[in-house]
Amino acid sequence: MVTTLLTIVGAAAALTAVATSGTPTDSSTLIDAQIVEIYVFLLAAFTGFQIITKVPPLLHTPLMAATNAISAISLVASIVLAGAERPLFINIMGMVAVAAATINVVGGFVITDRMLKMFKKTEAPK
């Protein structure tokens, strides 16, 4: 169902791009780019959800470690975006991205630490 919906959105984006390609203007190019960006975002969200739901619990801790590394990269990128000389709206969105990425990294480390504590052997009471 979701795959069909994403395919329809992609087809609509392609048809819109073909229909407006005869007379390219700045606004039609911007709209085409936004439709493609929305399509890519929806496809990435769907793919990510499908992958994460199929991960067995045994692989969760190594996967979280890799996810934390990726989140750290996105944190650095959002810091660069927030500090760039751009319009105020983009800087505000960069600050929101910094906050979200920081929460993601810290939460990932907390969850990974809790999961690793579950695997530690406890000593028998004397």
Protein backbone atom coordinates (compact mmCIF):
# COMPACT_ATOMS: atom_id res chain seq x y z
CA MET A 1 0.00 0.00 0.00
CA VAL A 2 2.68 2.51 1.03
CA THR A 3 4.96 1.41 -1.81
CA THR A 4 2.14 1.99 -4.27
CA LEU A 5 1.52 5.43 -2.80
CA LEU A 6 5.20 6.35 -3.08
CA THR A 7 5.27 5.12 -6.67
CA ILE A 8 2.26 7.28 -7.50
CA VAL A 9 3.91 10.32 -5.89
CA GLY A 10 7.09 9.65 -7.89
CA ALA A 11 5.13 9.29 -11.12
CA ALA A 12 3.28 12.53 -10.40
CA ALA A 13 6.60 14.30 -9.79
CA ALA A 14 7.97 12.96 -13.07
CA LEU A 15 4.84 14.00 -14.99
CA THR A 16 4.95 17.46 -13.43
CA ALA A 17 8.60 17.81 -14.41
CA VAL A 18 7.86 16.75 -17.99
CA ALA A 19 4.80 18.98 -18.26
CA THR A 20 6.61 22.09 -17.07
CA SER A 21 9.88 21.45 -18.88
CA GLY A 22 8.73 23.29 -22.01
CA THR A 23 8.98 26.70 -20.38
CA PRO A 24 11.42 26.54 -17.49
CA THR A 25 11.05 29.29 -14.92
CA ASP A 26 12.58 29.72 -11.51
CA SER A 27 9.33 28.90 -9.70
CA SER A 28 8.61 25.73 -11.68
CA THR A 29 12.16 24.49 -11.09
CA LEU A 30 11.76 25.15 -7.38
CA ILE A 31 8.46 23.28 -7.26
CA ASP A 32 9.97 20.35 -9.17
CA ALA A 33 12.89 20.22 -6.76
CA GLN A 34 10.55 20.32 -3.76
CA ILE A 35 8.43 17.47 -5.13
CA VAL A 36 11.52 15.36 -5.69
CA GLU A 37 12.80 16.18 -2.19
CA ILE A 38 9.45 15.15 -0.65
CA TYR A 39 9.48 11.95 -2.68
CA VAL A 40 13.02 11.11 -1.54
CA PHE A 41 12.12 11.88 2.08
CA LEU A 42 9.03 9.65 1.99
CA LEU A 43 10.97 6.84 0.33
CA ALA A 44 13.80 7.11 2.89
CA ALA A 45 11.32 7.13 5.79
CA PHE A 46 9.52 4.06 4.46
CA THR A 47 12.77 2.19 3.78
CA GLY A 48 14.17 3.08 7.20
CA PHE A 49 11.01 1.92 8.94
CA GLN A 50 11.04 -1.39 7.06
CA ILE A 51 14.70 -2.00 7.90
CA ILE A 52 14.46 -1.08 11.58
CA THR A 53 11.38 -3.20 12.26
CA LYS A 54 13.14 -6.29 10.92
CA VAL A 55 16.29 -6.00 13.07
CA PRO A 56 16.60 -8.84 15.60
CA PRO A 57 17.26 -7.82 19.23
CA LEU A 58 20.75 -9.37 19.16
CA LEU A 59 21.89 -6.92 16.48
CA HIS A 60 20.31 -3.88 18.10
CA THR A 61 23.38 -2.77 20.08
CA PRO A 62 25.85 -2.78 17.14
CA LEU A 63 23.22 -1.09 14.99
CA MET A 64 22.75 1.61 17.63
CA ALA A 65 26.50 2.23 17.68
CA ALA A 66 26.52 2.75 13.91
CA THR A 67 23.43 4.94 14.14
CA ASN A 68 25.11 7.07 16.80
CA ALA A 69 28.06 7.61 14.47
CA ILE A 70 25.73 8.71 11.66
CA SER A 71 23.84 10.97 14.06
CA ALA A 72 27.12 12.56 15.12
CA ILE A 73 27.88 13.34 11.47
CA SER A 74 24.46 14.94 11.07
CA LEU A 75 25.11 16.91 14.29
CA VAL A 76 28.31 18.37 12.82
CA ALA A 77 26.50 19.22 9.58
CA SER A 78 23.66 20.92 11.44
CA ILE A 79 26.17 22.97 13.50
CA VAL A 80 27.76 24.14 10.25
CA LEU A 81 24.33 25.03 8.86
CA ALA A 82 23.28 26.89 12.01
CA GLY A 83 26.46 28.98 11.99
CA ALA A 84 26.51 29.80 8.29
CA GLU A 85 25.76 33.26 6.95
CA ARG A 86 22.28 32.49 5.71
CA PRO A 87 18.84 34.05 6.21
CA LEU A 88 17.46 33.98 9.75
CA PHE A 89 14.91 31.25 8.95
CA ILE A 90 17.65 28.86 7.79
CA ASN A 91 19.73 29.58 10.89
CA ILE A 92 16.71 28.86 13.11
CA MET A 93 16.09 25.59 11.27
CA GLY A 94 19.79 24.80 11.76
CA MET A 95 19.44 25.35 15.50
CA VAL A 96 16.42 23.06 15.58
CA ALA A 97 18.47 20.46 13.68
CA VAL A 98 21.31 20.84 16.22
CA ALA A 99 18.88 20.26 19.09
CA ALA A 100 17.26 17.24 17.41
CA ALA A 101 20.60 15.66 16.47
CA THR A 102 21.98 16.23 19.98
CA ILE A 103 18.94 14.56 21.54
CA ASN A 104 19.33 11.69 19.09
CA VAL A 105 23.03 11.17 19.88
CA VAL A 106 22.62 11.42 23.67
CA GLY A 107 19.55 9.19 23.65
CA GLY A 108 21.33 6.63 21.51
CA PHE A 109 24.26 6.46 23.90
CA VAL A 110 21.94 6.14 26.91
CA ILE A 111 20.01 3.30 25.29
CA THR A 112 23.20 1.54 24.18
CA ASP A 113 24.63 1.83 27.70
CA ARG A 114 21.46 0.36 29.22
CA MET A 115 21.48 -2.53 26.75
CA LEU A 116 25.14 -3.30 27.43
CA LYS A 117 24.44 -3.35 31.19
CA MET A 118 21.84 -6.06 30.55
CA PHE A 119 24.56 -8.37 29.18
CA LYS A 120 26.97 -7.96 32.11
CA LYS A 121 27.22 -10.91 34.41
CA THR A 122 26.15 -10.26 37.97
CA GLU A 123 28.05 -11.89 40.80
CA ALA A 124 26.20 -14.42 42.88
CA PRO A 125 25.32 -13.19 46.38
CA LYS A 126 27.67 -14.53 49.10
